[in-house]
Structures are given as C-alpha cells and as structure tokens.
Amino acid sequence: MDLRQLRHLIAIIEERSFSAAAKAVHLTQPALTRSMNALEASVGTPLLVRRNNGIEPTSAGSVLYEYANLLTATADNARADIARLAKGLGGALNVGIGTHLADLALPKILSEFARRYPHLSINLKIGMIEDLVPMVLEGRVELIASMVPTDRMQAGIAYERLFTITTHLYAAKLHHLCAIDDVITFEQLTRERWVYLNCLHADLDMNRFFANGGMGFPDQVFRTDSPRMMRAMIEDEGCLGIMPDDYMSGARAQALRVEGMPVPRATGLLYRPDIPLRPIVMEFANLLRRELSKPPG
C-alpha cells in the first residue's frame, strides 16, 4: 500500500461513492477502482462493500480507514514541517534571555510566539550576560535579550538597544534606613547586609559604587544567581540590594535616597552580525522589539 491508495480509501469511505470520490481525488473512476483493487490485494482482504445506500467499509476497511487518517495526517505534517524548515520557519529557536527579563517579560512573549508557531521547539538559555555572550559567539544561541553592561558590548557582537531601565538601592519598608529623610551615607551602607547577583558585572558595579563613596566593601554580602532570591532577601531578610525599578514594582520595599542613584541600565538585543539571522529568529526579534519597546511591567 502507499499513501495515495490510503487517500483514495478515505475519499471513498467518506463520499460513500466511487464516482464522487474519483472527482474529489481528481481521478477517473476506472483509475480509482484499479487503485482500490491493488490496495485490497496488498492487504489480502476486501475493504469495501456495496450497499443499497452506497459504499461502506468492511471491518478490515474500518480499521485501515483509522490508520489511513493517521498516516496521511502524519505525512502532511511532515511535509509542512519540511516546508517551514526550507523557509527558515521551523525546527528549533535557540535564544538567550537575561535573568531579569526572563522573570518579567518573557512568559507572555513566549506564549504568543508558541501560538503563532505550534510546531516550533523553543530552547531558552536563561542566565547572566557573562554566560550568554560566549553562547552567541560560539553559535549555541542566535539571539540574546538582556540588560547589557557596557563592558559586554564587545567586538564581534551587534548590539541593538530597546530601552533603558533605572535601578535603585532598595530596602524593606520597615528597614530602619527607610526612616532617614536625608541622603544615606556610604558609611551607613557598609554596616548593612547586602545581596547582589553572583556575576562579574555585579562585582564590578558594587566595587565601583563603594569606591565612588570613598568606602570599602560591606562587611556581609549574599550572592545569588536569582533576582527572585534578591527580592526575597530584601523584603524578608533585611538586606539591601540594587534592583531594577520594574522588578521591584509591588514589592514590600522602597528605594533609598543614596548618592549616585538611580543608575540607568541599557536593555536590548545582541547577535552576531556576520551570521544572518534565520527568518524564524527575525520573527522572534521583531516580537521582542515590539513588546520590549518600553520597560516591562
């Protein structure tokens, strides 16, 4: 048997007529009859029987009809997937997402994209920019969406800014520093517990922040890979932390009055300009451009 014969069987059973089925599959009636004779010969049993009210399947014909629908649908899906691949619109999408964006903006964007391309596999690498940049250079991801410190805008990578967010130093609303009306001194800040991201650019930012205030590093710090953990440590454990304002929206915390705050952070797309983005990646980039044209929140 072959797929053409199975399609002919489906048409005959659904039309209940050889003449109507022949018209539906664009064959002459004798050609359709020959096709069914060959199919019955290949399976070794009759598949159709003539009744007064039209053609009906035998028990074997009913069984083969179910399989025929499954096999032809699978073949149609395979052809469609191959056609999408040929146009660069199928297969897998490999993208890198910064940790803050992954928590804030990506679920809605990914859901919309998945609805648009139900046969696409979406592979996300969520992490710090230090981890994501080597991935795009090595071709493991084709596109990055993240906050981008200036030292990561390096040669070999194209950078496209989408928006700028602001960051402040946050403390829980009941923290004693929140009661201070004046600008809080760096000496006061060094005596507090801090939480910040476990990555190189956060280390540099923290050292730069306290160096600008003429002070050394705080006595006690917690480092984590999770912005959610940072927010929890600020809200519930009395830590101080520098966080994007949008990420702290609705938090039981407030921004402190500190010299040098707020700090702007560029957020955008990174990719290798020497490798053309596949059409499916361009579609995803365009969706990111549209949805991230303003800070998420």
Protein backbone atom coordinates (compact mmCIF):
# COMPACT_ATOMS: atom_id res chain seq x y z
CA MET A 1 0.00 0.00 0.00
CA ASP A 2 1.06 3.62 -0.44
CA LEU A 3 -0.23 6.99 0.74
CA ARG A 4 -2.11 7.63 -2.49
CA GLN A 5 -4.07 4.44 -2.08
CA LEU A 6 -4.85 5.33 1.53
CA ARG A 7 -6.10 8.76 0.47
CA HIS A 8 -8.29 7.07 -2.14
CA LEU A 9 -9.72 4.75 0.52
CA ILE A 10 -10.52 7.70 2.79
CA ALA A 11 -12.28 9.53 -0.03
CA ILE A 12 -14.40 6.52 -0.99
CA ILE A 13 -15.49 5.82 2.60
CA GLU A 14 -16.29 9.47 3.29
CA GLU A 15 -18.06 10.08 -0.04
CA ARG A 16 -19.76 6.63 0.02
CA SER A 17 -19.43 6.63 -3.77
CA PHE A 18 -16.71 5.75 -6.27
CA SER A 19 -17.83 8.46 -8.68
CA ALA A 20 -17.90 11.21 -6.04
CA ALA A 21 -14.58 10.03 -4.57
CA ALA A 22 -12.96 9.97 -8.01
CA LYS A 23 -13.97 13.57 -8.52
CA ALA A 24 -12.63 14.51 -5.04
CA VAL A 25 -9.18 12.98 -5.68
CA HIS A 26 -9.06 14.10 -9.34
CA LEU A 27 -9.02 10.60 -10.88
CA THR A 28 -11.19 8.80 -13.36
CA GLN A 29 -13.48 6.21 -11.82
CA PRO A 30 -11.65 3.30 -13.52
CA ALA A 31 -8.32 4.55 -12.16
CA LEU A 32 -9.78 4.79 -8.66
CA THR A 33 -11.17 1.26 -8.97
CA ARG A 34 -7.75 -0.04 -10.00
CA SER A 35 -6.19 1.72 -7.01
CA MET A 36 -8.62 0.05 -4.59
CA ASN A 37 -8.13 -3.34 -6.21
CA ALA A 38 -4.39 -3.01 -5.72
CA LEU A 39 -4.85 -1.91 -2.07
CA GLU A 40 -7.14 -4.87 -1.32
CA ALA A 41 -4.64 -7.20 -2.96
CA SER A 42 -1.81 -5.82 -0.83
CA VAL A 43 -3.71 -6.29 2.47
CA GLY A 44 -5.23 -9.62 1.38
CA THR A 45 -8.86 -8.90 2.26
CA PRO A 46 -11.81 -6.88 0.95
CA LEU A 47 -12.02 -3.34 2.29
CA LEU A 48 -15.26 -2.09 0.76
CA VAL A 49 -18.74 -3.45 0.17
CA ARG A 50 -21.58 -2.05 -1.94
CA ARG A 51 -24.88 -1.43 -0.18
CA ASN A 52 -28.15 -0.04 -1.45
CA ASN A 53 -27.34 3.28 0.22
CA GLY A 54 -23.75 3.46 -1.04
CA ILE A 55 -20.27 2.13 -0.37
CA GLU A 56 -19.43 1.03 3.17
CA PRO A 57 -16.18 -0.25 4.67
CA THR A 58 -15.82 -3.84 5.79
CA SER A 59 -14.46 -4.48 9.29
CA ALA A 60 -10.95 -4.51 7.83
CA GLY A 61 -11.76 -1.37 5.85
CA SER A 62 -12.84 0.45 9.02
CA VAL A 63 -9.60 -0.48 10.75
CA LEU A 64 -7.50 0.60 7.78
CA TYR A 65 -9.53 3.83 7.49
CA GLU A 66 -8.44 4.85 11.01
CA TYR A 67 -4.80 4.10 10.24
CA ALA A 68 -5.07 5.82 6.87
CA ASN A 69 -6.22 9.04 8.53
CA LEU A 70 -3.33 8.87 10.99
CA LEU A 71 -0.70 8.06 8.36
CA THR A 72 -1.82 10.68 5.85
CA ALA A 73 -2.07 13.37 8.56
CA THR A 74 1.44 12.49 9.74
CA ALA A 75 2.72 12.70 6.18
CA ASP A 76 1.01 16.07 5.70
CA ASN A 77 2.54 17.37 8.92
CA ALA A 78 5.96 16.14 7.83
CA ARG A 79 5.65 17.95 4.50
CA ALA A 80 4.52 21.13 6.26
CA ASP A 81 7.42 20.96 8.73
CA ILE A 82 9.91 20.40 5.92
CA ALA A 83 8.44 23.33 4.00
CA ARG A 84 8.78 25.54 7.09
CA LEU A 85 12.37 24.42 7.53
CA ALA A 86 13.11 25.23 3.90
CA LYS A 87 11.84 28.76 4.58
CA GLY A 88 13.75 29.01 7.86
CA LEU A 89 10.50 28.98 9.84
CA GLY A 90 10.68 25.61 11.55
CA GLY A 91 12.90 23.46 13.70
CA ALA A 92 14.21 24.99 16.90
CA LEU A 93 14.62 28.54 18.15
CA ASN A 94 17.68 28.95 20.38
CA VAL A 95 17.77 32.22 22.31
CA GLY A 96 19.48 33.56 25.42
CA ILE A 97 17.48 35.58 27.95
CA GLY A 98 18.79 37.67 30.81
CA THR A 99 17.53 36.66 34.25
CA HIS A 100 15.53 39.84 34.91
CA LEU A 101 13.74 39.73 31.55
CA ALA A 102 13.00 36.02 31.97
CA ASP A 103 11.05 36.78 35.14
CA LEU A 104 9.34 39.94 33.91
CA ALA A 105 8.54 39.94 30.22
CA LEU A 106 9.21 36.58 28.58
CA PRO A 107 6.28 34.35 29.62
CA LYS A 108 3.73 36.44 27.70
CA ILE A 109 6.01 36.84 24.68
CA LEU A 110 6.82 33.13 24.52
CA SER A 111 3.16 32.15 24.79
CA GLU A 112 2.26 34.40 21.89
CA PHE A 113 5.12 33.08 19.78
CA ALA A 114 4.26 29.45 20.58
CA ARG A 115 0.66 30.04 19.47
CA ARG A 116 1.93 31.54 16.25
CA TYR A 117 4.29 28.60 15.56
CA PRO A 118 2.83 25.49 17.24
CA HIS A 119 5.37 23.12 15.63
CA LEU A 120 8.42 25.11 16.73
CA SER A 121 10.70 23.94 19.53
CA ILE A 122 11.82 26.89 21.68
CA ASN A 123 15.05 26.42 23.63
CA LEU A 124 15.84 29.11 26.20
CA LYS A 125 19.17 29.71 27.87
CA ILE A 126 18.46 31.91 30.89
CA GLY A 127 21.43 33.41 32.65
CA MET A 128 23.79 36.27 33.29
CA ILE A 129 25.15 38.28 30.39
CA GLU A 130 28.65 36.89 31.10
CA ASP A 131 27.33 33.39 30.35
CA LEU A 132 25.18 34.37 27.38
CA VAL A 133 27.76 36.31 25.35
CA PRO A 134 30.05 33.27 24.82
CA MET A 135 26.98 31.29 23.74
CA VAL A 136 26.14 33.69 20.94
CA LEU A 137 29.80 33.92 19.87
CA GLU A 138 30.00 30.12 19.70
CA GLY A 139 26.67 29.82 17.88
CA ARG A 140 24.85 27.98 20.69
CA VAL A 141 22.22 30.72 20.71
CA GLU A 142 21.37 33.01 17.82
CA LEU A 143 19.95 35.94 19.76
CA ILE A 144 20.21 37.40 23.26
CA ALA A 145 17.73 39.68 25.02
CA SER A 146 19.17 41.09 28.22
CA MET A 147 20.34 44.06 30.22
CA VAL A 148 23.75 44.80 28.76
CA PRO A 149 26.58 46.39 30.76
CA THR A 150 28.83 48.49 28.55
CA ASP A 151 31.77 46.12 29.01
CA ARG A 152 29.74 43.36 27.29
CA MET A 153 29.19 45.40 24.11
CA GLN A 154 32.30 43.89 22.60
CA ALA A 155 33.69 43.34 19.12
CA GLY A 156 32.04 40.58 17.14
CA ILE A 157 28.58 41.23 18.56
CA ALA A 158 25.94 43.61 17.26
CA TYR A 159 24.02 45.44 19.99
CA GLU A 160 20.57 46.96 19.49
CA ARG A 161 19.21 48.98 22.40
CA LEU A 162 15.49 48.58 23.01
CA PHE A 163 15.00 50.63 26.16
CA THR A 164 16.74 51.85 29.31
CA ILE A 165 15.58 50.87 32.77
CA THR A 166 16.52 52.50 36.04
CA THR A 167 17.85 50.80 39.14
CA HIS A 168 17.74 51.98 42.75
CA LEU A 169 19.05 50.75 46.05
CA TYR A 170 16.15 49.02 47.82
CA ALA A 171 15.38 48.10 51.41
CA ALA A 172 12.31 46.59 53.05
CA LYS A 173 9.74 49.22 54.00
CA LEU A 174 10.27 48.51 57.71
CA HIS A 175 14.06 48.72 57.43
CA HIS A 176 15.50 51.41 59.72
CA LEU A 177 17.21 53.18 56.78
CA CYS A 178 13.81 53.92 55.24
CA ALA A 179 13.07 56.31 58.11
CA ILE A 180 16.03 58.54 57.19
CA ASP A 181 14.94 61.65 55.29
CA ASP A 182 18.43 62.79 54.29
CA VAL A 183 20.74 61.15 51.77
CA ILE A 184 22.10 57.98 53.34
CA THR A 185 25.87 57.93 53.73
CA PHE A 186 28.16 55.23 52.40
CA GLU A 187 29.44 54.66 55.93
CA GLN A 188 25.90 53.72 56.95
CA LEU A 189 25.54 51.44 53.93
CA THR A 190 28.70 49.46 54.64
CA ARG A 191 27.32 48.41 58.04
CA GLU A 192 24.30 46.72 56.44
CA ARG A 193 23.84 43.29 54.93
CA TRP A 194 23.74 43.27 51.15
CA VAL A 195 22.56 40.90 48.44
CA TYR A 196 23.63 41.10 44.81
CA LEU A 197 23.95 38.98 41.71
CA ASN A 198 26.65 36.36 41.50
CA CYS A 199 28.35 37.61 38.35
CA LEU A 200 31.33 39.65 37.23
CA HIS A 201 29.48 42.80 36.21
CA ALA A 202 27.68 42.91 39.59
CA ASP A 203 31.05 42.62 41.34
CA LEU A 204 32.39 45.49 39.28
CA ASP A 205 29.28 47.59 39.90
CA MET A 206 29.44 47.04 43.66
CA ASN A 207 33.14 47.87 43.85
CA ARG A 208 32.61 50.96 41.72
CA PHE A 209 29.63 52.05 43.82
CA PHE A 210 31.52 51.93 47.12
CA ALA A 211 34.75 53.28 45.62
CA ASN A 212 32.83 56.33 44.43
CA GLY A 213 31.70 56.82 48.03
CA GLY A 214 35.25 56.51 49.32
CA MET A 215 34.41 53.37 51.27
CA GLY A 216 35.38 49.74 51.25
CA PHE A 217 33.10 46.79 50.60
CA PRO A 218 30.25 45.96 53.03
CA ASP A 219 31.10 43.55 55.83
CA GLN A 220 28.43 40.99 54.90
CA VAL A 221 27.09 40.15 51.45
CA PHE A 222 24.97 37.39 49.94
CA ARG A 223 25.48 36.47 46.31
CA THR A 224 22.85 34.66 44.26
CA ASP A 225 22.08 33.81 40.64
CA SER A 226 18.38 34.58 41.17
CA PRO A 227 16.77 38.03 41.04
CA ARG A 228 13.76 36.50 42.79
CA MET A 229 16.01 35.47 45.66
CA MET A 230 17.41 39.00 45.78
CA ARG A 231 13.93 40.45 46.07
CA ALA A 232 13.02 37.98 48.83
CA MET A 233 16.22 38.76 50.75
CA ILE A 234 15.42 42.48 50.53
CA GLU A 235 11.77 42.13 51.53
CA ASP A 236 12.09 39.47 54.24
CA GLU A 237 15.68 39.31 55.49
CA GLY A 238 16.70 42.94 55.93
CA CYS A 239 19.24 43.03 53.09
CA LEU A 240 19.98 45.95 50.80
CA GLY A 241 20.16 45.41 47.07
CA ILE A 242 20.36 47.36 43.84
CA MET A 243 17.44 46.27 41.68
CA PRO A 244 15.61 47.38 38.51
CA ASP A 245 12.61 49.51 39.44
CA ASP A 246 10.22 47.47 37.31
CA TYR A 247 11.33 44.28 39.01
CA MET A 248 10.51 45.78 42.39
CA SER A 249 7.06 47.00 41.37
CA GLY A 250 4.63 45.95 44.08
CA ALA A 251 7.38 44.79 46.43
CA ARG A 252 7.30 45.40 50.17
CA ALA A 253 10.34 47.61 49.71
CA GLN A 254 11.25 51.17 48.83
CA ALA A 255 14.07 52.94 47.07
CA LEU A 256 16.58 54.64 49.36
CA ARG A 257 18.00 58.13 48.89
CA VAL A 258 21.61 57.37 48.04
CA GLU A 259 24.24 59.34 46.15
CA GLY A 260 24.69 58.04 42.62
CA MET A 261 21.19 56.61 42.31
CA PRO A 262 19.31 55.87 40.14
CA VAL A 263 21.60 54.05 37.70
CA PRO A 264 20.40 53.59 34.10
CA ARG A 265 20.71 50.15 32.52
CA ALA A 266 20.55 49.58 28.78
CA THR A 267 18.45 46.62 27.70
CA GLY A 268 18.48 45.22 24.20
CA LEU A 269 19.30 42.52 21.68
CA LEU A 270 22.69 41.03 20.89
CA TYR A 271 23.62 38.79 17.94
CA ARG A 272 26.50 38.06 15.59
CA PRO A 273 26.33 40.43 12.61
CA ASP A 274 28.43 38.09 10.44
CA ILE A 275 25.78 35.33 10.55
CA PRO A 276 22.39 36.22 9.02
CA LEU A 277 19.52 35.53 11.39
CA ARG A 278 17.12 32.85 10.17
CA PRO A 279 13.60 34.10 9.34
CA ILE A 280 12.15 32.46 12.46
CA VAL A 281 14.75 34.23 14.62
CA MET A 282 13.96 37.52 12.90
CA GLU A 283 10.26 36.94 13.68
CA PHE A 284 11.11 36.45 17.35
CA ALA A 285 13.38 39.51 17.35
CA ASN A 286 10.59 41.62 15.85
CA LEU A 287 8.22 40.41 18.56
CA LEU A 288 10.78 41.36 21.21
CA ARG A 289 11.24 44.79 19.62
CA ARG A 290 7.51 45.38 19.74
CA GLU A 291 6.91 44.10 23.25
CA LEU A 292 10.08 45.50 24.80
CA SER A 293 9.92 48.93 23.22
CA LYS A 294 9.20 50.12 26.73
CA PRO A 295 10.27 48.64 30.07
CA PRO A 296 8.23 45.56 31.04
CA GLY A 297 5.87 45.87 33.94
